[in-house]
Amino acid sequence: MQSICRIQYDAPRASGSELLLVAHLTLDAITG
């Protein structure tokens, strides 16, 4: 779960940052 916070703060301010975040959240949820 801590990795999610990392991504949120380390995510670059790009137009696709939201999609990248959602994708990572989904993968993180699946992998547990």
Protein backbone atom coordinates (compact mmCIF):
# COMPACT_ATOMS: atom_id res chain seq x y z
CA MET A 1 0.00 0.00 0.00
CA GLN A 2 2.95 2.32 0.67
CA SER A 3 3.96 2.01 -2.98
CA ILE A 4 0.68 3.74 -3.91
CA CYS A 5 1.67 6.82 -1.88
CA ARG A 6 5.09 6.74 -3.51
CA ILE A 7 3.60 6.78 -6.99
CA GLN A 8 1.22 9.61 -6.08
CA TYR A 9 4.10 11.81 -4.93
CA ASP A 10 6.69 10.68 -7.48
CA ALA A 11 4.28 10.76 -10.42
CA PRO A 12 5.37 13.44 -12.90
CA ARG A 13 2.90 16.21 -13.68
CA ALA A 14 2.13 14.80 -17.11
CA SER A 15 -1.19 14.47 -18.90
CA GLY A 16 -0.95 10.68 -18.60
CA SER A 17 0.07 10.68 -14.94
CA GLU A 18 -3.52 9.95 -13.90
CA LEU A 19 -3.79 6.95 -16.23
CA LEU A 20 -0.43 5.72 -14.99
CA LEU A 21 -1.57 6.10 -11.39
CA VAL A 22 -4.84 4.25 -12.03
CA ALA A 23 -2.99 1.46 -13.81
CA HIS A 24 -0.53 1.11 -10.92
CA LEU A 25 -3.33 1.19 -8.35
CA THR A 26 -5.09 -1.62 -10.22
CA LEU A 27 -1.92 -3.71 -10.45
CA ASP A 28 -1.12 -3.07 -6.80
CA ALA A 29 -4.64 -4.10 -5.79
CA ILE A 30 -4.42 -7.30 -7.85
CA THR A 31 -0.99 -8.24 -6.52
CA GLY A 32 -2.11 -7.32 -3.02
